[in-house]
Amino acid sequence: MKKLLLAIVILLATTMSAYALDVTLEWDANTESNIGGYRIYKGTSAADVIKNAAHRVGDVVPAQDTNPDPIRFRYTVTGLPNVDTWFAVTAYDTETPPQESGLSNIVMAARVSPPPPAPPQNLSIWERIYSWIMKLFGRG
């Protein structure tokens, strides 16, 4: 199988309550006639991205490609924890059992920092307002 080139990792969205990440991966599509699909692997470091079931995010078939460009394949991995995550992709064929390629290059999606708190609103100087009110009502 041709070696895959995983080229782009785009951070698409975060949900601010739990900071779950959705990461879109895009790579050069395999053009062999017997391509069955792709397997996405992830890890908590580049060295942790290895080809085994414990690190496999899932299998992706060509019908799940969200890229209109037939030369590039795109897939979004959803609901990831908000930590730095490394990814690699393999291709597999339609043989029985399927033959799987080696890992693509490894890319990292960086964690998203939570947004800063909103700034305080309607700031005033209480002492002056209090003094003014007291004078207004003849108590100061």
N, C-alpha and C. Protein backbone atom coordinates (compact mmCIF):
# COMPACT_ATOMS: atom_id res chain seq x y z
N MET A 1 0.84 -1.19 0.00
CA MET A 1 0.00 0.00 0.00
C MET A 1 0.88 1.24 0.00
N LYS A 2 0.37 2.25 -0.63
CA LYS A 2 1.11 3.50 -0.65
C LYS A 2 1.15 4.11 0.74
N LYS A 3 2.24 4.75 1.03
CA LYS A 3 2.37 5.40 2.34
C LYS A 3 1.45 6.61 2.39
N LEU A 4 0.75 6.75 3.47
CA LEU A 4 -0.14 7.89 3.64
C LEU A 4 0.64 9.10 4.09
N LEU A 5 0.19 10.24 3.73
CA LEU A 5 0.77 11.48 4.21
C LEU A 5 -0.31 12.25 4.93
N LEU A 6 -0.23 12.23 6.23
CA LEU A 6 -1.20 12.98 7.02
C LEU A 6 -0.69 14.40 7.10
N ALA A 7 -1.42 15.31 6.48
CA ALA A 7 -0.87 16.64 6.27
C ALA A 7 -1.40 17.70 7.21
N ILE A 8 -2.66 17.67 7.54
CA ILE A 8 -3.22 18.80 8.26
C ILE A 8 -4.04 18.31 9.43
N VAL A 9 -3.88 18.95 10.53
CA VAL A 9 -4.79 18.74 11.65
C VAL A 9 -5.39 20.11 11.94
N ILE A 10 -6.70 20.17 11.86
CA ILE A 10 -7.40 21.42 12.08
C ILE A 10 -8.25 21.28 13.33
N LEU A 11 -8.05 22.17 14.24
CA LEU A 11 -8.91 22.18 15.41
C LEU A 11 -10.18 22.89 15.01
N LEU A 12 -11.30 22.19 15.08
CA LEU A 12 -12.55 22.76 14.61
C LEU A 12 -13.39 23.38 15.70
N ALA A 13 -13.61 22.67 16.77
CA ALA A 13 -14.59 23.17 17.73
C ALA A 13 -14.29 22.67 19.12
N THR A 14 -14.77 23.42 20.06
CA THR A 14 -14.73 22.98 21.45
C THR A 14 -16.08 23.25 22.06
N THR A 15 -16.46 22.44 22.99
CA THR A 15 -17.65 22.74 23.76
C THR A 15 -17.16 23.22 25.10
N MET A 16 -17.51 24.43 25.45
CA MET A 16 -16.91 25.08 26.59
C MET A 16 -17.26 24.45 27.93
N SER A 17 -18.35 23.73 28.06
CA SER A 17 -18.70 23.17 29.35
C SER A 17 -17.72 22.09 29.77
N ALA A 18 -17.41 21.18 28.89
CA ALA A 18 -16.51 20.08 29.24
C ALA A 18 -15.18 20.20 28.51
N TYR A 19 -15.06 21.17 27.64
CA TYR A 19 -13.88 21.35 26.82
C TYR A 19 -13.55 20.11 26.00
N ALA A 20 -14.57 19.41 25.51
CA ALA A 20 -14.35 18.28 24.61
C ALA A 20 -13.96 18.83 23.25
N LEU A 21 -13.05 18.15 22.61
CA LEU A 21 -12.54 18.64 21.33
C LEU A 21 -13.05 17.81 20.17
N ASP A 22 -13.27 18.47 19.06
CA ASP A 22 -13.49 17.83 17.79
C ASP A 22 -12.30 18.20 16.92
N VAL A 23 -11.62 17.22 16.37
CA VAL A 23 -10.42 17.47 15.57
C VAL A 23 -10.64 16.88 14.18
N THR A 24 -10.41 17.69 13.17
CA THR A 24 -10.52 17.22 11.80
C THR A 24 -9.14 16.88 11.26
N LEU A 25 -9.01 15.65 10.80
CA LEU A 25 -7.76 15.17 10.20
C LEU A 25 -7.95 15.12 8.69
N GLU A 26 -6.91 15.46 7.96
CA GLU A 26 -6.98 15.42 6.50
C GLU A 26 -5.68 14.84 5.97
N TRP A 27 -5.78 13.94 4.99
CA TRP A 27 -4.60 13.30 4.43
C TRP A 27 -4.81 12.99 2.96
N ASP A 28 -3.70 12.63 2.28
CA ASP A 28 -3.78 12.23 0.87
C ASP A 28 -4.54 10.92 0.79
N ALA A 29 -5.58 10.89 -0.03
CA ALA A 29 -6.38 9.67 -0.20
C ALA A 29 -5.56 8.60 -0.91
N ASN A 30 -5.77 7.37 -0.51
CA ASN A 30 -5.13 6.24 -1.18
C ASN A 30 -5.92 5.95 -2.46
N THR A 31 -5.24 5.85 -3.59
CA THR A 31 -5.93 5.70 -4.87
C THR A 31 -5.94 4.25 -5.38
N GLU A 32 -5.48 3.32 -4.57
CA GLU A 32 -5.48 1.93 -5.00
C GLU A 32 -6.92 1.42 -5.11
N SER A 33 -7.17 0.53 -6.06
CA SER A 33 -8.54 0.07 -6.32
C SER A 33 -9.10 -0.80 -5.21
N ASN A 34 -8.25 -1.38 -4.38
CA ASN A 34 -8.75 -2.28 -3.34
C ASN A 34 -8.70 -1.66 -1.94
N ILE A 35 -8.75 -0.33 -1.88
CA ILE A 35 -8.71 0.33 -0.56
C ILE A 35 -10.01 0.03 0.19
N GLY A 36 -9.89 -0.47 1.41
CA GLY A 36 -11.06 -0.75 2.24
C GLY A 36 -11.41 0.43 3.12
N GLY A 37 -10.39 1.15 3.57
CA GLY A 37 -10.60 2.29 4.44
C GLY A 37 -9.34 2.67 5.18
N TYR A 38 -9.51 3.38 6.27
CA TYR A 38 -8.40 3.90 7.05
C TYR A 38 -8.65 3.62 8.52
N ARG A 39 -7.56 3.52 9.28
CA ARG A 39 -7.65 3.38 10.73
C ARG A 39 -6.94 4.57 11.34
N ILE A 40 -7.61 5.19 12.31
CA ILE A 40 -7.04 6.35 12.99
C ILE A 40 -6.58 5.90 14.38
N TYR A 41 -5.35 6.25 14.70
CA TYR A 41 -4.76 5.93 16.00
C TYR A 41 -4.44 7.22 16.73
N LYS A 42 -4.53 7.20 18.05
CA LYS A 42 -4.19 8.39 18.84
C LYS A 42 -3.38 7.98 20.05
N GLY A 43 -2.72 8.96 20.64
CA GLY A 43 -1.95 8.72 21.86
C GLY A 43 -1.75 10.02 22.61
N THR A 44 -1.18 9.89 23.80
CA THR A 44 -0.93 11.07 24.63
C THR A 44 0.47 11.64 24.41
N SER A 45 1.24 11.02 23.54
CA SER A 45 2.54 11.54 23.11
C SER A 45 2.81 10.94 21.73
N ALA A 46 3.81 11.47 21.04
CA ALA A 46 4.14 10.92 19.72
C ALA A 46 4.58 9.47 19.85
N ALA A 47 5.33 9.15 20.89
CA ALA A 47 5.79 7.78 21.09
C ALA A 47 4.65 6.82 21.46
N ASP A 48 3.55 7.39 21.94
CA ASP A 48 2.40 6.59 22.38
C ASP A 48 1.48 6.20 21.22
N VAL A 49 1.70 6.78 20.04
CA VAL A 49 0.85 6.45 18.89
C VAL A 49 1.41 5.18 18.26
N ILE A 50 0.80 4.07 18.61
CA ILE A 50 1.24 2.78 18.08
C ILE A 50 0.06 2.06 17.48
N LYS A 51 0.36 1.12 16.61
CA LYS A 51 -0.68 0.41 15.86
C LYS A 51 -1.20 -0.77 16.68
N ASN A 52 -2.14 -0.50 17.61
CA ASN A 52 -2.82 -1.59 18.30
C ASN A 52 -4.22 -1.13 18.68
N ALA A 53 -5.07 -2.08 18.99
CA ALA A 53 -6.49 -1.80 19.21
C ALA A 53 -6.73 -0.82 20.34
N ALA A 54 -5.87 -0.82 21.36
CA ALA A 54 -6.06 0.07 22.50
C ALA A 54 -5.90 1.54 22.11
N HIS A 55 -5.16 1.81 21.06
CA HIS A 55 -4.93 3.19 20.63
C HIS A 55 -5.75 3.56 19.40
N ARG A 56 -6.54 2.64 18.90
CA ARG A 56 -7.31 2.91 17.68
C ARG A 56 -8.57 3.70 18.01
N VAL A 57 -8.74 4.83 17.34
CA VAL A 57 -9.94 5.64 17.48
C VAL A 57 -11.09 4.97 16.75
N GLY A 58 -10.79 4.42 15.59
CA GLY A 58 -11.82 3.76 14.81
C GLY A 58 -11.41 3.57 13.37
N ASP A 59 -12.26 2.85 12.64
CA ASP A 59 -12.06 2.63 11.22
C ASP A 59 -12.95 3.61 10.46
N VAL A 60 -12.43 4.12 9.37
CA VAL A 60 -13.13 5.09 8.55
C VAL A 60 -13.18 4.54 7.13
N VAL A 61 -14.36 4.50 6.54
CA VAL A 61 -14.49 4.01 5.16
C VAL A 61 -14.63 5.19 4.22
N PRO A 62 -14.33 4.99 2.93
CA PRO A 62 -14.39 6.11 1.99
C PRO A 62 -15.72 6.86 1.98
N ALA A 63 -16.82 6.22 2.28
CA ALA A 63 -18.12 6.91 2.29
C ALA A 63 -18.19 7.97 3.39
N GLN A 64 -17.30 7.91 4.38
CA GLN A 64 -17.31 8.88 5.48
C GLN A 64 -16.44 10.10 5.19
N ASP A 65 -15.83 10.16 4.03
CA ASP A 65 -14.98 11.29 3.65
C ASP A 65 -15.83 12.55 3.54
N THR A 66 -15.45 13.61 4.27
CA THR A 66 -16.20 14.87 4.23
C THR A 66 -15.54 15.92 3.34
N ASN A 67 -14.50 15.54 2.60
CA ASN A 67 -13.81 16.47 1.74
C ASN A 67 -14.30 16.31 0.30
N PRO A 68 -14.75 17.38 -0.35
CA PRO A 68 -15.20 17.26 -1.74
C PRO A 68 -14.05 17.00 -2.72
N ASP A 69 -12.80 17.21 -2.29
CA ASP A 69 -11.63 16.98 -3.12
C ASP A 69 -11.29 15.49 -3.11
N PRO A 70 -11.38 14.79 -4.24
CA PRO A 70 -11.14 13.34 -4.26
C PRO A 70 -9.69 12.95 -3.96
N ILE A 71 -8.78 13.91 -4.02
CA ILE A 71 -7.37 13.62 -3.77
C ILE A 71 -7.05 13.65 -2.27
N ARG A 72 -7.88 14.32 -1.50
CA ARG A 72 -7.66 14.45 -0.05
C ARG A 72 -8.82 13.79 0.69
N PHE A 73 -8.53 13.17 1.82
CA PHE A 73 -9.54 12.52 2.65
C PHE A 73 -9.63 13.31 3.95
N ARG A 74 -10.84 13.54 4.42
CA ARG A 74 -11.05 14.33 5.64
C ARG A 74 -12.02 13.58 6.56
N TYR A 75 -11.69 13.57 7.84
CA TYR A 75 -12.55 12.94 8.83
C TYR A 75 -12.42 13.67 10.16
N THR A 76 -13.54 13.87 10.86
CA THR A 76 -13.53 14.55 12.14
C THR A 76 -13.69 13.54 13.27
N VAL A 77 -12.75 13.58 14.20
CA VAL A 77 -12.80 12.77 15.41
C VAL A 77 -13.46 13.65 16.47
N THR A 78 -14.53 13.17 17.08
CA THR A 78 -15.30 14.01 18.01
C THR A 78 -15.18 13.53 19.45
N GLY A 79 -15.47 14.46 20.37
CA GLY A 79 -15.57 14.12 21.79
C GLY A 79 -14.26 13.77 22.48
N LEU A 80 -13.16 14.31 21.98
CA LEU A 80 -11.87 14.01 22.60
C LEU A 80 -11.69 14.81 23.88
N PRO A 81 -10.94 14.30 24.85
CA PRO A 81 -10.67 15.10 26.05
C PRO A 81 -9.78 16.28 25.69
N ASN A 82 -9.82 17.31 26.49
CA ASN A 82 -9.05 18.52 26.22
C ASN A 82 -7.62 18.36 26.73
N VAL A 83 -6.88 17.52 26.04
CA VAL A 83 -5.45 17.31 26.31
C VAL A 83 -4.73 17.26 24.97
N ASP A 84 -3.42 17.49 24.99
CA ASP A 84 -2.65 17.34 23.77
C ASP A 84 -2.82 15.90 23.29
N THR A 85 -3.15 15.73 22.00
CA THR A 85 -3.38 14.40 21.45
C THR A 85 -2.64 14.26 20.14
N TRP A 86 -1.96 13.15 19.97
CA TRP A 86 -1.21 12.86 18.75
C TRP A 86 -1.99 11.85 17.92
N PHE A 87 -1.93 11.99 16.60
CA PHE A 87 -2.67 11.12 15.69
C PHE A 87 -1.78 10.58 14.58
N ALA A 88 -2.13 9.40 14.09
CA ALA A 88 -1.56 8.83 12.87
C ALA A 88 -2.65 8.01 12.20
N VAL A 89 -2.49 7.75 10.91
CA VAL A 89 -3.50 7.03 10.13
C VAL A 89 -2.81 5.90 9.36
N THR A 90 -3.51 4.80 9.20
CA THR A 90 -3.06 3.73 8.31
C THR A 90 -4.17 3.49 7.28
N ALA A 91 -3.81 2.82 6.19
CA ALA A 91 -4.79 2.39 5.21
C ALA A 91 -4.90 0.87 5.29
N TYR A 92 -6.08 0.34 5.01
CA TYR A 92 -6.22 -1.11 4.92
C TYR A 92 -6.97 -1.45 3.64
N ASP A 93 -6.75 -2.67 3.16
CA ASP A 93 -7.35 -3.08 1.88
C ASP A 93 -8.56 -3.98 2.10
N THR A 94 -9.08 -4.49 0.99
CA THR A 94 -10.30 -5.30 1.05
C THR A 94 -10.00 -6.80 1.10
N GLU A 95 -8.76 -7.18 1.26
CA GLU A 95 -8.39 -8.60 1.35
C GLU A 95 -8.99 -9.21 2.62
N THR A 96 -9.04 -10.55 2.67
CA THR A 96 -9.50 -11.24 3.87
C THR A 96 -8.35 -12.09 4.38
N PRO A 97 -7.80 -11.80 5.53
CA PRO A 97 -8.04 -10.63 6.38
C PRO A 97 -7.40 -9.38 5.76
N PRO A 98 -7.87 -8.20 6.15
CA PRO A 98 -7.32 -6.97 5.58
C PRO A 98 -5.84 -6.80 5.90
N GLN A 99 -5.11 -6.31 4.92
CA GLN A 99 -3.71 -5.94 5.13
C GLN A 99 -3.68 -4.45 5.47
N GLU A 100 -2.85 -4.09 6.44
CA GLU A 100 -2.80 -2.71 6.91
C GLU A 100 -1.41 -2.12 6.63
N SER A 101 -1.41 -0.87 6.19
CA SER A 101 -0.15 -0.18 5.92
C SER A 101 0.54 0.20 7.22
N GLY A 102 1.72 0.74 7.09
CA GLY A 102 2.40 1.33 8.24
C GLY A 102 1.74 2.64 8.62
N LEU A 103 2.18 3.20 9.73
CA LEU A 103 1.62 4.48 10.19
C LEU A 103 2.04 5.64 9.29
N SER A 104 1.15 6.59 9.14
CA SER A 104 1.48 7.85 8.48
C SER A 104 2.41 8.64 9.39
N ASN A 105 2.74 9.85 8.98
CA ASN A 105 3.42 10.75 9.90
C ASN A 105 2.50 11.04 11.08
N ILE A 106 3.05 11.46 12.18
CA ILE A 106 2.29 11.73 13.40
C ILE A 106 2.11 13.23 13.54
N VAL A 107 0.90 13.64 13.86
CA VAL A 107 0.59 15.06 14.06
C VAL A 107 -0.04 15.25 15.43
N MET A 108 0.01 16.48 15.93
CA MET A 108 -0.53 16.76 17.26
C MET A 108 -1.62 17.82 17.20
N ALA A 109 -2.69 17.58 17.95
CA ALA A 109 -3.72 18.60 18.18
C ALA A 109 -3.53 19.08 19.61
N ALA A 110 -3.22 20.36 19.76
CA ALA A 110 -2.95 20.91 21.09
C ALA A 110 -4.24 21.16 21.85
N ARG A 111 -4.16 21.03 23.16
CA ARG A 111 -5.31 21.29 24.02
C ARG A 111 -5.74 22.75 23.85
N VAL A 112 -6.98 23.00 24.13
CA VAL A 112 -7.53 24.34 24.03
C VAL A 112 -7.65 24.91 25.44
N SER A 113 -7.05 26.06 25.64
CA SER A 113 -7.17 26.70 26.95
C SER A 113 -8.58 27.24 27.12
N PRO A 114 -9.13 27.14 28.34
CA PRO A 114 -10.46 27.71 28.54
C PRO A 114 -10.40 29.22 28.37
N PRO A 115 -11.50 29.82 27.99
CA PRO A 115 -11.49 31.27 27.81
C PRO A 115 -11.34 31.96 29.16
N PRO A 116 -10.78 33.17 29.17
CA PRO A 116 -10.67 33.89 30.44
C PRO A 116 -12.06 34.28 30.93
N PRO A 117 -12.18 34.57 32.21
CA PRO A 117 -13.50 34.99 32.71
C PRO A 117 -13.92 36.32 32.07
N ALA A 118 -15.20 36.54 32.03
CA ALA A 118 -15.72 37.80 31.50
C ALA A 118 -15.31 38.94 32.43
N PRO A 119 -15.04 40.12 31.89
CA PRO A 119 -14.65 41.24 32.75
C PRO A 119 -15.84 41.72 33.59
N PRO A 120 -15.56 42.28 34.76
CA PRO A 120 -16.65 42.83 35.57
C PRO A 120 -17.34 43.97 34.81
N GLN A 121 -18.61 44.15 35.09
CA GLN A 121 -19.41 45.19 34.41
C GLN A 121 -19.89 46.24 35.42
N ASN A 122 -20.23 47.41 34.93
CA ASN A 122 -20.86 48.48 35.71
C ASN A 122 -20.05 48.88 36.94
N LEU A 123 -18.79 49.07 36.76
CA LEU A 123 -17.92 49.49 37.85
C LEU A 123 -18.26 50.91 38.27
N SER A 124 -18.34 51.15 39.55
CA SER A 124 -18.59 52.51 40.06
C SER A 124 -17.81 52.67 41.36
N ILE A 125 -17.77 53.89 41.84
CA ILE A 125 -17.12 54.18 43.11
C ILE A 125 -18.21 54.32 44.15
N TRP A 126 -18.35 53.35 44.97
CA TRP A 126 -19.44 53.27 45.92
C TRP A 126 -19.42 54.42 46.92
N GLU A 127 -18.26 54.78 47.41
CA GLU A 127 -18.19 55.81 48.45
C GLU A 127 -18.78 57.12 47.97
N ARG A 128 -18.48 57.53 46.76
CA ARG A 128 -18.99 58.81 46.24
C ARG A 128 -20.51 58.74 46.04
N ILE A 129 -20.98 57.63 45.50
CA ILE A 129 -22.43 57.50 45.30
C ILE A 129 -23.14 57.50 46.65
N TYR A 130 -22.59 56.80 47.63
CA TYR A 130 -23.19 56.74 48.95
C TYR A 130 -23.23 58.15 49.58
N SER A 131 -22.10 58.88 49.46
CA SER A 131 -22.05 60.25 50.01
C SER A 131 -23.05 61.15 49.31
N TRP A 132 -23.16 61.02 47.99
CA TRP A 132 -24.09 61.86 47.24
C TRP A 132 -25.53 61.58 47.65
N ILE A 133 -25.87 60.29 47.81
CA ILE A 133 -27.23 59.92 48.23
C ILE A 133 -27.51 60.46 49.62
N MET A 134 -26.55 60.36 50.52
CA MET A 134 -26.74 60.85 51.89
C MET A 134 -26.96 62.37 51.89
N LYS A 135 -26.18 63.10 51.07
CA LYS A 135 -26.37 64.53 50.98
C LYS A 135 -27.71 64.88 50.36
N LEU A 136 -28.12 64.12 49.35
CA LEU A 136 -29.38 64.36 48.68
C LEU A 136 -30.54 64.27 49.67
N PHE A 137 -30.48 63.33 50.58
CA PHE A 137 -31.58 63.13 51.52
C PHE A 137 -31.31 63.82 52.87
N GLY A 138 -30.28 64.69 52.88
CA GLY A 138 -30.02 65.49 54.07
C GLY A 138 -29.44 64.72 55.24
N ARG A 139 -28.72 63.69 54.98
CA ARG A 139 -28.15 62.91 56.07
C ARG A 139 -26.64 62.98 56.08
N GLY A 140 -26.04 63.80 55.30
CA GLY A 140 -24.59 63.78 55.23
C GLY A 140 -23.93 65.06 55.54
